[in-house]
């Protein structure tokens, strides 16, 4: 368990220092904070998550730091801090049951975590301190009361999944507070937390009825079916691993796991599982992790049943407890190794882009570069590209004196994405003068470029 947690922490540190927080919408959110020079709320119903992500970089800005590489590290700390923080809290609250949150991390978070900026990540993370306090901390201490209230406030404006999680947590909190063994101040704490969690449900309902984009709910639903039909590498192995854990109810399975051959077989699977992005780089598809964000809703609800068994029928899991703890740690280890390997691919990708940005001028059309044309490498070139965030990423990782920007292919199914092209117009570039970003060379290079003319036929 200790080794698994250390490797997990190492994977997050590696992600922070390779700027993986800039993948997907992270590059956009980072620019927003830089332009604001402080906190900038993205969506009301997810506001507390936005503040958590932005807190370290805002502190750095207030300290007068303007170096983009240092600010990216600060932003990464905010994006990746939720799970180590909440896991540490849960260990202090109830170390005996720590394996459950480890299992949740491996089965839920690390199957949907390549996109660092995801409000579902924080909603899932802070679910666990709330449940640990409600079910395992008896009697309620002042420290645990603070954890309960802080975590409830974080969940208040976190993600639409609280529409389902909120009522469950509110009910459990209210029932705990209604117990006769609680003192008056403890009842008040539980009642206040229950009210906050109930309010989180209403805020999540409003976010569901009025989504930030028309595709939000549809995309979430599509992701469920996509993952079920084509689960991808990490999710497929996780499903098999969970089935193995469930099979531990059988004495024969537990005996087999404890044999030397069984241990060696599982160790081999873990190494293969974790090294796959390095062994088969062309098969890496980070988008699968984005599609799997629904697991940050299903996993906590599913494991809540396990926690209730631990409270009310602990003898049911006592026989296989050791195997469950070890297999949970092994799952965390395998998933963390996979993230280290996948993040190494991301680091290589950024280095290639940095090389193009430093050596070329004007607009670099990705499809016209060797990196975008080679069949095997081309997939690698596009797998990390979110088209509408490419410009921000170029500005953030390239030279401060911007000479060039990389344009993903603006043609899809014969249709030209004019909005994507227009983002590269000099007048629409993000103004980051305070951080030393200078577009003068780029502006000179693209002056008169026909790509910005509406009548240009991009499909030729």
Protein backbone atom coordinates (compact mmCIF):
# COMPACT_ATOMS: atom_id res chain seq x y z
CA UNK A 1 0.00 0.00 0.00
CA UNK A 2 2.81 2.41 0.85
CA UNK A 3 4.58 1.70 -2.45
CA UNK A 4 1.35 2.19 -4.40
CA UNK A 5 0.64 5.53 -2.72
CA UNK A 6 4.19 6.76 -3.30
CA UNK A 7 4.04 5.84 -7.00
CA UNK A 8 0.63 7.54 -7.24
CA UNK A 9 2.09 10.70 -5.70
CA UNK A 10 5.06 10.46 -8.08
CA UNK A 11 2.69 10.24 -11.06
CA UNK A 12 0.99 13.46 -9.96
CA UNK A 13 4.30 15.27 -9.44
CA UNK A 14 5.40 14.18 -12.91
CA UNK A 15 2.11 15.46 -14.33
CA UNK A 16 2.56 18.83 -12.61
CA UNK A 17 6.10 19.38 -13.91
CA UNK A 18 5.24 18.28 -17.47
CA UNK A 19 2.36 20.79 -17.60
CA UNK A 20 -0.27 18.12 -18.16
CA UNK A 21 -2.71 20.55 -16.58
CA UNK A 22 -2.68 22.33 -19.98
CA UNK A 23 -4.21 19.34 -21.78
CA UNK A 24 -7.75 19.88 -23.07
CA UNK A 25 -9.47 22.97 -21.59
CA UNK A 26 -6.67 23.47 -19.08
CA UNK A 27 -4.80 25.73 -21.48
CA UNK A 28 -7.90 27.93 -21.83
CA UNK A 29 -8.53 28.14 -18.09
CA UNK A 30 -4.87 28.96 -17.44
CA UNK A 31 -5.02 31.87 -19.90
CA UNK A 32 -8.22 33.12 -18.26
CA UNK A 33 -6.54 33.30 -14.86
CA UNK A 34 -3.48 35.03 -16.33
CA UNK A 35 -5.63 37.62 -18.06
CA UNK A 36 -7.66 38.25 -14.91
CA UNK A 37 -4.57 38.43 -12.70
CA UNK A 38 -6.57 36.64 -10.02
CA UNK A 39 -9.61 34.41 -9.50
CA UNK A 40 -11.99 34.15 -12.42
CA UNK A 41 -15.15 32.11 -12.00
CA UNK A 42 -15.99 29.83 -14.89
CA UNK A 43 -19.47 28.48 -14.08
CA UNK A 44 -21.53 29.28 -10.99
CA UNK A 45 -22.59 25.70 -10.28
CA UNK A 46 -18.91 24.58 -10.47
CA UNK A 47 -17.40 27.68 -8.91
CA UNK A 48 -15.76 26.13 -5.84
CA UNK A 49 -13.83 23.69 -8.00
CA UNK A 50 -12.60 26.57 -10.17
CA UNK A 51 -11.34 28.38 -7.08
CA UNK A 52 -9.47 25.26 -5.92
CA UNK A 53 -7.79 24.89 -9.31
CA UNK A 54 -6.84 28.56 -9.39
CA UNK A 55 -5.74 29.06 -5.78
CA UNK A 56 -2.02 28.18 -6.11
CA UNK A 57 -1.52 30.18 -9.31
CA UNK A 58 -3.39 33.17 -7.85
CA UNK A 59 -1.14 33.05 -4.79
CA UNK A 60 1.87 32.98 -7.11
CA UNK A 61 0.54 35.98 -9.03
CA UNK A 62 -0.05 37.94 -5.82
CA UNK A 63 3.57 37.20 -4.86
CA UNK A 64 4.65 38.90 -8.07
CA UNK A 65 5.65 35.80 -10.06
CA UNK A 66 5.25 36.35 -13.81
CA UNK A 67 7.37 33.51 -15.21
CA UNK A 68 5.01 31.33 -17.25
CA UNK A 69 6.81 28.05 -16.49
CA UNK A 70 6.56 28.66 -12.73
CA UNK A 71 2.92 29.71 -13.02
CA UNK A 72 2.18 26.51 -14.94
CA UNK A 73 3.61 24.50 -12.06
CA UNK A 74 1.39 26.42 -9.64
CA UNK A 75 -1.64 25.80 -11.85
CA UNK A 76 -0.77 22.10 -12.02
CA UNK A 77 -0.61 21.88 -8.22
CA UNK A 78 -4.15 23.25 -8.03
CA UNK A 79 -5.39 20.83 -10.69
CA UNK A 80 -3.85 17.70 -9.12
CA UNK A 81 -4.14 18.42 -5.38
CA UNK A 82 -7.69 17.21 -4.69
CA UNK A 83 -7.06 13.47 -4.53
CA UNK A 84 -3.83 13.36 -2.49
CA UNK A 85 -5.42 15.86 -0.10
CA UNK A 86 -8.65 13.91 0.42
CA UNK A 87 -6.89 10.54 0.54
CA UNK A 88 -4.59 11.86 3.26
CA UNK A 89 -7.59 13.12 5.21
CA UNK A 90 -9.38 9.77 4.90
CA UNK A 91 -6.31 7.92 6.13
CA UNK A 92 -6.20 10.12 9.23
CA UNK A 93 -9.93 9.69 9.83
CA UNK A 94 -10.13 5.89 9.49
CA UNK A 95 -6.89 4.11 8.46
CA UNK A 96 -8.52 0.69 8.67
CA UNK A 97 -10.86 1.57 5.80
CA UNK A 98 -8.30 3.49 3.72
CA UNK A 99 -8.25 0.70 1.13
CA UNK A 100 -11.75 1.70 0.01
CA UNK A 101 -10.72 5.20 -1.04
CA UNK A 102 -7.62 3.71 -2.69
CA UNK A 103 -9.90 1.44 -4.69
CA UNK A 104 -12.05 4.45 -5.60
CA UNK A 105 -8.99 6.34 -6.79
CA UNK A 106 -7.80 3.48 -8.98
CA UNK A 107 -11.19 2.50 -10.38
CA UNK A 108 -12.71 5.97 -10.73
CA UNK A 109 -10.33 8.91 -10.71
CA UNK A 110 -7.41 7.31 -12.56
CA UNK A 111 -9.71 6.07 -15.32
CA UNK A 112 -10.89 9.64 -15.97
CA UNK A 113 -7.93 11.75 -14.84
CA UNK A 114 -5.83 12.49 -17.90
CA UNK A 115 -7.91 15.62 -18.34
CA UNK A 116 -6.64 17.52 -15.31
CA UNK A 117 -9.30 20.23 -15.35
CA UNK A 118 -12.47 18.26 -14.64
CA UNK A 119 -14.96 19.29 -11.99
CA UNK A 120 -16.15 15.68 -11.70
CA UNK A 121 -12.70 14.85 -10.31
CA UNK A 122 -13.11 17.20 -7.34
CA UNK A 123 -16.72 16.18 -6.71
CA UNK A 124 -15.64 12.54 -6.45
CA UNK A 125 -12.61 13.39 -4.28
CA UNK A 126 -14.51 15.33 -1.63
CA UNK A 127 -17.26 12.72 -1.49
CA UNK A 128 -14.90 10.51 0.51
CA UNK A 129 -14.08 12.73 3.52
CA UNK A 130 -17.81 13.36 3.97
CA UNK A 131 -18.65 9.65 3.95
CA UNK A 132 -15.69 8.74 6.16
CA UNK A 133 -16.78 11.24 8.81
CA UNK A 134 -20.41 10.13 8.69
CA UNK A 135 -19.78 6.40 8.83
CA UNK A 136 -16.48 5.89 10.62
CA UNK A 137 -15.72 8.79 12.99
CA UNK A 138 -17.50 8.06 16.28
CA UNK A 139 -17.74 10.21 18.29
CA UNK A 140 -17.45 13.26 16.09
CA UNK A 141 -14.33 15.27 16.88
CA UNK A 142 -13.73 18.97 16.23
CA UNK A 143 -11.22 18.13 13.50
CA UNK A 144 -13.63 15.74 11.79
CA UNK A 145 -16.40 18.35 12.07
CA UNK A 146 -14.18 20.84 10.26
CA UNK A 147 -13.45 18.26 7.55
CA UNK A 148 -17.17 17.51 7.13
CA UNK A 149 -18.17 21.16 6.77
CA UNK A 150 -15.27 22.10 4.49
CA UNK A 151 -15.86 19.11 2.22
CA UNK A 152 -19.59 19.83 2.10
CA UNK A 153 -18.91 23.42 1.08
CA UNK A 154 -16.57 22.20 -1.66
CA UNK A 155 -19.32 19.91 -2.94
CA UNK A 156 -21.89 22.71 -2.81
CA UNK A 157 -20.74 24.08 -6.16
CA UNK A 158 -18.80 21.28 -7.73
CA UNK A 159 -20.47 19.27 -10.50
CA UNK A 160 -23.81 18.09 -11.84
CA UNK A 161 -23.18 14.60 -10.44
CA UNK A 162 -24.23 16.04 -7.06
CA UNK A 163 -27.78 15.73 -8.38
CA UNK A 164 -27.41 12.03 -7.52
CA UNK A 165 -24.73 12.07 -4.84
CA UNK A 166 -26.10 15.06 -2.91
CA UNK A 167 -29.39 13.51 -1.72
CA UNK A 168 -27.59 10.35 -0.58
CA UNK A 169 -25.01 12.28 1.43
CA UNK A 170 -27.62 14.67 2.83
CA UNK A 171 -29.76 11.76 4.05
CA UNK A 172 -26.84 9.93 5.65
CA UNK A 173 -25.68 13.13 7.35
CA UNK A 174 -29.16 13.92 8.65
CA UNK A 175 -29.59 10.39 10.02
CA UNK A 176 -26.24 10.54 11.78
CA UNK A 177 -27.15 13.90 13.34
CA UNK A 178 -30.50 12.58 14.50
CA UNK A 179 -28.84 9.87 16.59
CA UNK A 180 -29.28 10.05 20.33
CA UNK A 181 -25.60 9.49 21.03
CA UNK A 182 -24.66 12.85 19.50
CA UNK A 183 -24.17 15.96 21.61
CA UNK A 184 -26.00 19.17 20.77
CA UNK A 185 -23.05 20.81 18.98
CA UNK A 186 -22.47 17.63 16.99
CA UNK A 187 -26.11 17.56 15.92
CA UNK A 188 -25.80 21.16 14.75
CA UNK A 189 -22.74 20.30 12.67
CA UNK A 190 -24.50 17.37 11.00
CA UNK A 191 -27.65 19.41 10.40
CA UNK A 192 -25.66 22.24 8.82
CA UNK A 193 -23.76 19.79 6.61
CA UNK A 194 -27.02 18.11 5.58
CA UNK A 195 -28.48 21.47 4.55
CA UNK A 196 -25.37 22.33 2.51
CA UNK A 197 -25.44 18.95 0.77
CA UNK A 198 -29.16 19.31 0.04
CA UNK A 199 -28.47 22.72 -1.49
CA UNK A 200 -25.75 21.17 -3.63
CA UNK A 201 -28.45 18.99 -5.17
CA UNK A 202 -30.50 22.04 -6.16
CA UNK A 203 -27.48 23.79 -7.64
CA UNK A 204 -26.61 20.63 -9.58
CA UNK A 205 -30.20 20.45 -10.84
CA UNK A 206 -29.95 23.99 -12.14
CA UNK A 207 -26.66 23.11 -13.86
CA UNK A 208 -28.30 20.08 -15.46
CA UNK A 209 -31.31 22.05 -16.69
CA UNK A 210 -29.11 24.89 -17.93
CA UNK A 211 -25.87 23.21 -19.11
CA UNK A 212 -22.83 25.31 -20.03
CA UNK A 213 -23.05 23.99 -23.59
CA UNK A 214 -25.82 22.24 -25.46
CA UNK A 215 -23.68 19.13 -25.78
CA UNK A 216 -22.77 18.69 -22.10
CA UNK A 217 -25.45 16.19 -21.12
CA UNK A 218 -25.39 14.46 -24.50
CA UNK A 219 -21.61 14.13 -24.36
CA UNK A 220 -21.81 12.61 -20.88
CA UNK A 221 -24.41 10.08 -22.06
CA UNK A 222 -22.46 9.28 -25.22
CA UNK A 223 -19.36 8.64 -23.12
CA UNK A 224 -21.19 5.99 -21.10
CA UNK A 225 -22.16 3.97 -24.17
CA UNK A 226 -18.78 4.49 -25.83
CA UNK A 227 -16.88 3.15 -22.81
CA UNK A 228 -19.24 0.20 -22.40
CA UNK A 229 -18.85 -0.82 -26.06
CA UNK A 230 -15.11 0.01 -26.28
CA UNK A 231 -13.77 0.33 -22.75
CA UNK A 232 -10.17 1.04 -23.64
CA UNK A 233 -7.03 -0.31 -21.96
CA UNK A 234 -7.24 0.95 -18.37
CA UNK A 235 -11.00 0.59 -18.01
CA UNK A 236 -11.03 -2.92 -19.47
CA UNK A 237 -8.34 -4.08 -17.03
CA UNK A 238 -10.12 -2.32 -14.17
CA UNK A 239 -13.31 -4.25 -14.91
CA UNK A 240 -11.41 -7.54 -14.81
CA UNK A 241 -9.62 -6.50 -11.61
CA UNK A 242 -12.89 -5.66 -9.87
CA UNK A 243 -14.29 -9.03 -10.90
CA UNK A 244 -11.22 -10.66 -9.37
CA UNK A 245 -11.81 -8.75 -6.14
CA UNK A 246 -15.43 -9.87 -6.07
CA UNK A 247 -14.30 -13.46 -6.66
CA UNK A 248 -12.24 -13.27 -3.46
CA UNK A 249 -15.37 -14.34 -1.64
CA UNK A 250 -14.39 -17.85 -2.79
CA UNK A 251 -11.69 -19.52 -0.63
CA UNK A 252 -10.11 -21.18 -3.69
CA UNK A 253 -9.56 -17.80 -5.36
CA UNK A 254 -7.96 -16.37 -2.22
CA UNK A 255 -5.65 -19.34 -1.98
CA UNK A 256 -4.65 -19.02 -5.64
CA UNK A 257 -3.85 -15.31 -5.22
CA UNK A 258 -1.61 -16.08 -2.25
CA UNK A 259 0.47 -18.66 -4.11
CA UNK A 260 3.85 -17.75 -5.57
CA UNK A 261 2.60 -18.37 -9.09
CA UNK A 262 -0.50 -16.25 -8.51
CA UNK A 263 1.55 -13.38 -7.11
CA UNK A 264 3.98 -13.48 -10.04
CA UNK A 265 1.13 -13.56 -12.56
CA UNK A 266 -0.55 -10.53 -10.99
CA UNK A 267 2.79 -8.68 -10.83
CA UNK A 268 3.31 -9.34 -14.54
CA UNK A 269 -0.16 -8.01 -15.32
CA UNK A 270 0.54 -4.85 -13.32
CA UNK A 271 3.78 -4.19 -15.21
CA UNK A 272 2.16 -4.81 -18.60
CA UNK A 273 -0.83 -2.68 -17.61
CA UNK A 274 1.32 0.24 -16.54
CA UNK A 275 3.85 0.12 -19.37
CA UNK A 276 1.31 -0.16 -22.20
CA UNK A 277 1.54 3.50 -23.39
CA UNK A 278 5.29 2.99 -23.88
CA UNK A 279 4.95 -0.44 -25.46
CA UNK A 280 2.11 0.58 -27.82
CA UNK A 281 2.25 4.38 -28.13
CA UNK A 282 0.06 4.42 -31.25
CA UNK A 283 -2.77 2.84 -29.24
CA UNK A 284 -2.82 5.59 -26.61
CA UNK A 285 -6.13 7.47 -26.70
CA UNK A 286 -6.46 10.04 -23.87
CA UNK A 287 -9.97 10.92 -25.04
CA UNK A 288 -11.17 7.60 -23.59
CA UNK A 289 -10.41 9.00 -20.15
CA UNK A 290 -12.55 12.05 -20.87
CA UNK A 291 -15.42 9.81 -21.96
CA UNK A 292 -15.07 7.80 -18.73
CA UNK A 293 -15.85 10.74 -16.43
CA UNK A 294 -19.17 9.08 -15.55
CA UNK A 295 -17.11 6.68 -13.40
CA UNK A 296 -16.59 9.52 -10.94
CA UNK A 297 -20.32 9.19 -10.28
CA UNK A 298 -20.81 5.42 -10.44
CA UNK A 299 -17.73 4.39 -8.43
CA UNK A 300 -18.56 6.36 -5.25
CA UNK A 301 -22.19 5.20 -5.32
CA UNK A 302 -21.10 1.59 -5.87
CA UNK A 303 -18.46 1.62 -3.13
CA UNK A 304 -20.90 3.27 -0.73
CA UNK A 305 -22.54 -0.16 -0.50
CA UNK A 306 -19.18 -1.65 0.53
CA UNK A 307 -18.79 1.02 3.21
CA UNK A 308 -22.25 0.36 4.61
CA UNK A 309 -21.37 -3.34 4.79
CA UNK A 310 -18.21 -2.40 6.70
CA UNK A 311 -20.33 -0.50 9.22
CA UNK A 312 -23.32 -2.81 9.64
CA UNK A 313 -22.01 -6.27 8.61
CA UNK A 314 -18.19 -6.12 8.96
CA UNK A 315 -17.91 -9.91 9.31
CA UNK A 316 -19.04 -10.34 5.69
CA UNK A 317 -15.73 -8.99 4.33
CA UNK A 318 -13.39 -10.04 7.11
CA UNK A 319 -12.27 -13.33 5.52
CA UNK A 320 -11.12 -11.67 2.30
CA UNK A 321 -10.03 -8.36 3.82
CA UNK A 322 -6.29 -8.91 3.28
CA UNK A 323 -6.75 -9.78 -0.40
CA UNK A 324 -9.05 -6.78 -0.91
CA UNK A 325 -6.50 -4.42 0.61
CA UNK A 326 -3.65 -5.84 -1.48
CA UNK A 327 -5.63 -5.86 -4.72
CA UNK A 328 -6.79 -2.28 -4.13
CA UNK A 329 -3.17 -1.21 -3.69
CA UNK A 330 -2.17 -3.17 -6.80
CA UNK A 331 -4.89 -1.43 -8.82
CA UNK A 332 -3.64 1.98 -7.67
CA UNK A 333 -0.08 0.97 -8.56
CA UNK A 334 -0.98 -0.27 -12.05
CA UNK A 335 -3.04 2.80 -12.87
CA UNK A 336 -0.35 5.16 -11.55
CA UNK A 337 2.29 3.45 -13.70
CA UNK A 338 0.01 3.82 -16.73
CA UNK A 339 -0.36 7.54 -16.03
CA UNK A 340 3.40 7.96 -15.74
CA UNK A 341 3.85 6.25 -19.11
CA UNK A 342 1.04 8.23 -20.74
CA UNK A 343 2.37 11.49 -19.31
CA UNK A 344 5.77 10.68 -20.81
CA UNK A 345 4.04 10.57 -24.20
CA UNK A 346 2.48 13.96 -23.43
CA UNK A 347 5.93 15.35 -22.52
CA UNK A 348 7.35 14.09 -25.83
CA UNK A 349 4.42 15.66 -27.69
CA UNK A 350 5.04 19.06 -26.07
CA UNK A 351 8.73 18.89 -26.92
CA UNK A 352 7.91 18.35 -30.61
CA UNK A 353 5.54 21.31 -30.59
CA UNK A 354 8.13 23.46 -28.79
CA UNK A 355 10.65 22.58 -31.49
CA UNK A 356 8.28 23.65 -34.29
CA UNK A 357 7.34 26.87 -32.49
CA UNK A 358 10.98 27.81 -31.96
CA UNK A 359 12.20 27.13 -35.48
CA UNK A 360 9.37 28.21 -37.81
CA UNK A 361 7.47 31.42 -38.44
CA UNK A 362 3.86 32.33 -39.14
CA UNK A 363 1.07 29.79 -39.10
CA UNK A 364 2.17 26.16 -39.04
CA UNK A 365 -0.58 23.96 -40.46
CA UNK A 366 -0.20 20.70 -38.59
CA UNK A 367 -1.51 18.60 -41.47
CA UNK A 368 1.31 19.86 -43.71
CA UNK A 369 4.12 18.93 -41.33
CA UNK A 370 5.86 15.52 -41.31
CA UNK A 371 4.52 15.16 -37.80
CA UNK A 372 0.97 15.43 -39.11
CA UNK A 373 1.40 13.45 -42.33
CA UNK A 374 3.06 10.24 -41.18
CA UNK A 375 0.34 7.66 -40.54
CA UNK A 376 1.69 6.33 -37.24
CA UNK A 377 2.96 9.65 -35.94
CA UNK A 378 -0.05 11.53 -37.21
CA UNK A 379 -2.30 9.85 -34.72
CA UNK A 380 0.13 10.84 -32.01
CA UNK A 381 0.07 14.39 -33.32
CA UNK A 382 -3.69 14.65 -33.04
CA UNK A 383 -4.46 12.51 -30.01
CA UNK A 384 -3.43 15.31 -27.64
CA UNK A 385 -4.97 18.12 -29.73
CA UNK A 386 -8.20 19.78 -28.70
CA UNK A 387 -8.61 22.07 -31.69
CA UNK A 388 -10.08 25.12 -29.99
CA UNK A 389 -7.38 25.04 -27.28
CA UNK A 390 -4.37 24.65 -29.59
CA UNK A 391 -3.65 28.37 -29.85
CA UNK A 392 -3.53 28.88 -26.08
CA UNK A 393 -1.28 25.85 -25.69
CA UNK A 394 1.15 27.23 -28.29
CA UNK A 395 1.38 30.57 -26.50
CA UNK A 396 1.92 28.89 -23.13
CA UNK A 397 4.67 26.45 -24.14
CA UNK A 398 6.40 28.36 -26.95
CA UNK A 399 8.98 31.17 -26.85
CA UNK A 400 7.89 34.41 -25.21
CA UNK A 401 8.68 36.19 -28.48
CA UNK A 402 6.05 34.36 -30.47
CA UNK A 403 7.17 33.62 -34.03
CA UNK A 404 4.66 30.95 -34.99
CA UNK A 405 1.47 29.19 -33.93
CA UNK A 406 0.33 25.68 -34.81
CA UNK A 407 -3.05 25.36 -36.51
CA UNK A 408 -4.78 21.95 -36.36
CA UNK A 409 -6.55 20.89 -39.53
CA UNK A 410 -9.55 23.28 -39.80
CA UNK A 411 -11.34 21.05 -42.31
CA UNK A 412 -13.61 18.31 -41.03
CA UNK A 413 -15.94 16.34 -43.30
CA UNK A 414 -15.37 18.93 -46.01
CA UNK A 415 -16.46 21.82 -43.75
CA UNK A 416 -14.09 24.64 -42.83
CA UNK A 417 -14.09 25.64 -39.15
CA UNK A 418 -13.88 29.42 -39.53
CA UNK A 419 -14.07 29.99 -35.77
CA UNK A 420 -10.88 27.98 -35.32
CA UNK A 421 -9.07 29.92 -38.06
CA UNK A 422 -10.23 33.29 -36.73
CA UNK A 423 -8.68 32.58 -33.35
CA UNK A 424 -5.27 32.93 -35.00
CA UNK A 425 -5.95 36.49 -36.18
CA UNK A 426 -3.53 38.94 -34.52
CA UNK A 427 -6.39 41.04 -33.16
CA UNK A 428 -7.87 38.07 -31.27
CA UNK A 429 -4.71 36.68 -29.63
CA UNK A 430 -4.75 36.54 -25.82
CA UNK A 431 -3.05 39.62 -24.39
CA UNK A 432 -0.37 38.51 -21.97
CA UNK A 433 2.03 41.45 -22.07
CA UNK A 434 2.46 41.35 -18.29
CA UNK A 435 4.11 37.94 -18.66
CA UNK A 436 6.51 38.97 -21.43
CA UNK A 437 4.54 37.48 -24.35
CA UNK A 438 5.33 39.42 -27.53
CA UNK A 439 3.48 38.72 -30.81
CA UNK A 440 5.29 41.24 -33.01
CA UNK A 441 7.25 38.65 -35.01
CA UNK A 442 4.16 36.49 -35.52
CA UNK A 443 2.08 39.48 -36.61
CA UNK A 444 4.73 40.47 -39.15
CA UNK A 445 4.89 36.89 -40.47
CA UNK A 446 1.11 36.49 -41.01
CA UNK A 447 0.47 39.94 -42.44
CA UNK A 448 -1.60 39.45 -45.58
CA UNK A 449 -1.88 35.70 -45.09
CA UNK A 450 -4.84 34.54 -47.27
CA UNK A 451 -5.89 32.00 -44.66
CA UNK A 452 -7.78 34.78 -42.88
CA UNK A 453 -9.81 35.68 -45.99
CA UNK A 454 -13.33 34.33 -45.79
CA UNK A 455 -13.34 33.40 -49.45
CA UNK A 456 -10.28 31.16 -49.22
CA UNK A 457 -11.07 27.57 -50.15
CA UNK A 458 -9.50 25.54 -47.38
CA UNK A 459 -10.75 22.29 -48.84
CA UNK A 460 -8.57 22.53 -51.97
